[in-house]
Every structure is written in C-alpha cells, then in structure tokens.
C-alpha atoms as a PDB file:
ATOM      1  CA  UNK A   1     -11.884 -13.684   0.329  1.00  0.00           C
ATOM      2  CA  UNK A   2      -9.163 -11.048  -0.497  1.00  0.00           C
ATOM      3  CA  UNK A   3     -10.324  -7.418  -0.083  1.00  0.00           C
ATOM      4  CA  UNK A   4      -8.262  -4.262  -0.884  1.00  0.00           C
ATOM      5  CA  UNK A   5      -9.470  -0.859   0.653  1.00  0.00           C
ATOM      6  CA  UNK A   6      -7.898   2.366  -0.639  1.00  0.00           C
ATOM      7  CA  UNK A   7      -8.283   5.825   1.180  1.00  0.00           C
ATOM      8  CA  UNK A   8      -6.529   9.217   1.060  1.00  0.00           C
ATOM      9  CA  UNK A   9      -7.741  10.535  -2.087  1.00  0.00           C
ATOM     10  CA  UNK A  10      -9.365  14.033  -2.379  1.00  0.00           C
ATOM     11  CA  UNK A  11      -9.056  17.415  -4.028  1.00  0.00           C
ATOM     12  CA  UNK A  12      -5.905  19.435  -3.963  1.00  0.00           C
ATOM     13  CA  UNK A  13      -4.394  22.289  -5.734  1.00  0.00           C
ATOM     14  CA  UNK A  14      -1.445  21.861  -8.022  1.00  0.00           C
ATOM     15  CA  UNK A  15       1.680  21.628  -6.095  1.00  0.00           C
ATOM     16  CA  UNK A  16       0.066  19.941  -3.206  1.00  0.00           C
ATOM     17  CA  UNK A  17       0.470  16.640  -1.759  1.00  0.00           C
ATOM     18  CA  UNK A  18      -1.640  13.537  -0.736  1.00  0.00           C
ATOM     19  CA  UNK A  19      -1.000  10.160   0.662  1.00  0.00           C
ATOM     20  CA  UNK A  20      -3.028   7.141  -0.366  1.00  0.00           C
ATOM     21  CA  UNK A  21      -3.242   3.974   1.523  1.00  0.00           C
ATOM     22  CA  UNK A  22      -4.338   0.616   0.646  1.00  0.00           C
ATOM     23  CA  UNK A  23      -5.057  -2.077   3.303  1.00  0.00           C
ATOM     24  CA  UNK A  24      -5.238  -5.806   2.157  1.00  0.00           C
ATOM     25  CA  UNK A  25      -7.266  -8.286   4.116  1.00  0.00           C
ATOM     26  CA  UNK A  26      -8.188 -11.985   3.709  1.00  0.00           C
ATOM     27  CA  UNK A  27      -4.875 -13.202   2.120  1.00  0.00           C
ATOM     28  CA  UNK A  28      -3.853 -16.562   3.471  1.00  0.00           C
ATOM     29  CA  UNK A  29      -0.433 -16.267   1.810  1.00  0.00           C
ATOM     30  CA  UNK A  30       2.484 -13.988   1.987  1.00  0.00           C
ATOM     31  CA  UNK A  31       1.465 -10.752  -0.030  1.00  0.00           C
ATOM     32  CA  UNK A  32       3.720 -10.303  -2.979  1.00  0.00           C
ATOM     33  CA  UNK A  33       4.024  -7.125  -5.020  1.00  0.00           C
ATOM     34  CA  UNK A  34       1.714  -4.260  -4.161  1.00  0.00           C
ATOM     35  CA  UNK A  35       1.153  -1.610  -6.837  1.00  0.00           C
ATOM     36  CA  UNK A  36      -0.869   1.482  -7.717  1.00  0.00           C
ATOM     37  CA  UNK A  37      -2.375   2.152 -10.957  1.00  0.00           C
ATOM     38  CA  UNK A  38      -4.657   5.040 -12.255  1.00  0.00           C
ATOM     39  CA  UNK A  39      -7.254   5.786 -14.732  1.00  0.00           C
ATOM     40  CA  UNK A  40      -8.258   9.225 -15.908  1.00  0.00           C
ATOM     41  CA  UNK A  41     -11.635   9.822 -17.678  1.00  0.00           C
ATOM     42  CA  UNK A  42     -11.549   8.556 -21.326  1.00  0.00           C
ATOM     43  CA  UNK A  43      -8.023   6.931 -20.878  1.00  0.00           C
ATOM     44  CA  UNK A  44      -6.886   3.370 -20.108  1.00  0.00           C
ATOM     45  CA  UNK A  45      -5.557   2.379 -16.755  1.00  0.00           C
ATOM     46  CA  UNK A  46      -1.953   2.964 -16.424  1.00  0.00           C
ATOM     47  CA  UNK A  47       0.807   1.717 -14.036  1.00  0.00           C
ATOM     48  CA  UNK A  48       2.041   4.238 -11.406  1.00  0.00           C
ATOM     49  CA  UNK A  49       4.228   2.387  -9.069  1.00  0.00           C
ATOM     50  CA  UNK A  50       5.115  -0.961  -7.620  1.00  0.00           C
ATOM     51  CA  UNK A  51       6.935  -2.356  -4.483  1.00  0.00           C
ATOM     52  CA  UNK A  52       7.688  -6.009  -3.985  1.00  0.00           C
ATOM     53  CA  UNK A  53       7.856  -7.976  -0.738  1.00  0.00           C
ATOM     54  CA  UNK A  54      11.574  -6.978  -0.346  1.00  0.00           C
ATOM     55  CA  UNK A  55      10.945  -3.324  -0.819  1.00  0.00           C
ATOM     56  CA  UNK A  56      12.271  -3.010  -4.355  1.00  0.00           C
ATOM     57  CA  UNK A  57      10.355  -0.111  -6.191  1.00  0.00           C
ATOM     58  CA  UNK A  58       9.643   1.024  -9.572  1.00  0.00           C
ATOM     59  CA  UNK A  59       7.878   4.016 -10.913  1.00  0.00           C
ATOM     60  CA  UNK A  60       6.295   5.251 -14.095  1.00  0.00           C
ATOM     61  CA  UNK A  61       8.402   8.094 -15.787  1.00  0.00           C
ATOM     62  CA  UNK A  62       5.629  10.616 -15.264  1.00  0.00           C
ATOM     63  CA  UNK A  63       5.702  10.202 -11.579  1.00  0.00           C
ATOM     64  CA  UNK A  64       9.242   9.632 -10.796  1.00  0.00           C
ATOM     65  CA  UNK A  65      10.843  11.952  -8.345  1.00  0.00           C
ATOM     66  CA  UNK A  66       7.317  13.205  -7.252  1.00  0.00           C
ATOM     67  CA  UNK A  67       5.723   9.967  -5.795  1.00  0.00           C
ATOM     68  CA  UNK A  68       7.111   7.645  -3.249  1.00  0.00           C
ATOM     69  CA  UNK A  69       5.714   4.094  -2.759  1.00  0.00           C
ATOM     70  CA  UNK A  70       6.178   2.190   0.691  1.00  0.00           C
ATOM     71  CA  UNK A  71       4.686  -0.695   2.329  1.00  0.00           C
ATOM     72  CA  UNK A  72       4.212  -1.991   5.948  1.00  0.00           C
ATOM     73  CA  UNK A  73       4.199  -5.786   5.735  1.00  0.00           C
ATOM     74  CA  UNK A  74       2.993  -6.145   9.302  1.00  0.00           C
ATOM     75  CA  UNK A  75      -0.202  -4.067   8.554  1.00  0.00           C
ATOM     76  CA  UNK A  76      -0.496  -5.520   4.788  1.00  0.00           C
ATOM     77  CA  UNK A  77      -0.692  -1.877   3.721  1.00  0.00           C
ATOM     78  CA  UNK A  78       0.761  -0.101   0.826  1.00  0.00           C
ATOM     79  CA  UNK A  79       1.150   3.778   0.773  1.00  0.00           C
ATOM     80  CA  UNK A  80       1.601   6.261  -2.014  1.00  0.00           C
ATOM     81  CA  UNK A  81       2.989   9.633  -1.036  1.00  0.00           C
ATOM     82  CA  UNK A  82       2.304  11.986  -3.930  1.00  0.00           C
ATOM     83  CA  UNK A  83       3.917  15.385  -3.932  1.00  0.00           C
ATOM     84  CA  UNK A  84       4.063  18.200  -6.376  1.00  0.00           C
ATOM     85  CA  UNK A  85       0.885  17.068  -7.771  1.00  0.00           C
ATOM     86  CA  UNK A  86      -0.215  18.107 -11.238  1.00  0.00           C
ATOM     87  CA  UNK A  87      -3.543  18.551 -13.009  1.00  0.00           C
ATOM     88  CA  UNK A  88      -2.604  15.573 -15.197  1.00  0.00           C
ATOM     89  CA  UNK A  89      -2.387  13.484 -12.102  1.00  0.00           C
ATOM     90  CA  UNK A  90      -6.105  13.637 -11.735  1.00  0.00           C
ATOM     91  CA  UNK A  91      -7.534  10.016 -11.899  1.00  0.00           C
ATOM     92  CA  UNK A  92      -9.051   7.261 -10.049  1.00  0.00           C
ATOM     93  CA  UNK A  93      -6.245   5.445  -8.254  1.00  0.00           C
ATOM     94  CA  UNK A  94      -6.393   1.702  -7.887  1.00  0.00           C
ATOM     95  CA  UNK A  95      -4.477  -0.462  -5.579  1.00  0.00           C
ATOM     96  CA  UNK A  96      -3.335  -4.026  -6.690  1.00  0.00           C
ATOM     97  CA  UNK A  97      -1.913  -6.774  -4.638  1.00  0.00           C
ATOM     98  CA  UNK A  98      -0.663 -10.285  -5.270  1.00  0.00           C
ATOM     99  CA  UNK A  99      -1.721 -12.947  -2.874  1.00  0.00           C
ATOM    100  CA  UNK A 100      -0.355 -16.410  -3.767  1.00  0.00           C
ATOM    101  CA  UNK A 101      -0.563 -16.287  -7.514  1.00  0.00           C
ATOM    102  CA  UNK A 102      -3.580 -14.105  -7.878  1.00  0.00           C
ATOM    103  CA  UNK A 103      -3.846 -10.469  -8.323  1.00  0.00           C
ATOM    104  CA  UNK A 104      -6.540  -8.530  -6.686  1.00  0.00           C
ATOM    105  CA  UNK A 105      -7.845  -4.858  -7.127  1.00  0.00           C
ATOM    106  CA  UNK A 106      -9.331  -2.281  -4.868  1.00  0.00           C
ATOM    107  CA  UNK A 107     -12.277  -0.168  -5.812  1.00  0.00           C
ATOM    108  CA  UNK A 108     -10.309   3.046  -6.309  1.00  0.00           C
ATOM    109  CA  UNK A 109      -9.970   6.273  -4.599  1.00  0.00           C
ATOM    110  CA  UNK A 110     -10.289   9.615  -6.578  1.00  0.00           C
ATOM    111  CA  UNK A 111      -7.592  12.117  -6.837  1.00  0.00           C
ATOM    112  CA  UNK A 112      -8.429  15.576  -8.346  1.00  0.00           C
ATOM    113  CA  UNK A 113      -5.802  18.184  -8.889  1.00  0.00           C
ATOM    114  CA  UNK A 114      -6.843  21.671  -9.984  1.00  0.00           C
END
C-alpha cells in the first residue's frame, strides 16, 4: 500500500520561503517521477514541478526561478523549496509519485501567503 505524506506547509508573508517535503512509503518498485501540484480555492489542480528518477526537472512558468524541486532517492522523498512567495501561490499543495506504472497522490499540505 503506497502512501505519500506531505509536510512543511504553513502561513508566510509575501517574499518569504517555505520548504515542502513528501515522503513515499510502501512502493515495491523503483519510484519514478515525483511531482508537486497545487489547487487554489475555486480553481482546478495545476502542475507546479516534477523531477524524474535521474534528476531531470521541469517547472510551471508561474514558479520558474522561485521554486526548486529536488529528491533524495535513498529516503524516497521529494522536496519543494519555495522562495519569493506571492499571495497567488496560496493553495493546497499535493505530492504525486509514480510507483511502477501507477501514480499515487498525497493528502496535501496548505500554503498560505499574505
């Protein structure tokens, strides 16, 4: 049973920083791409960033240059360093990881920027 647990969310003033973490457990295969998505109230879930097992990264244009994704394969953990936060970054942030050929989602962690 694969589980993803996010942490690190919170409330911060504009211009501040937060670091999100997501730990995957229960995967019996090598974990593939690990990604972050976010969903603001009244809006659809949107892609934020992804990193594959080799470390190749991709970002949404809205966060490029401000957010940095990284992963620790030994710890089955993906991180999202968020700097220069803006009020429009306020959302529930979700982690997604591919185990085998199946994608799994975490429960989310709230980020509020005022």
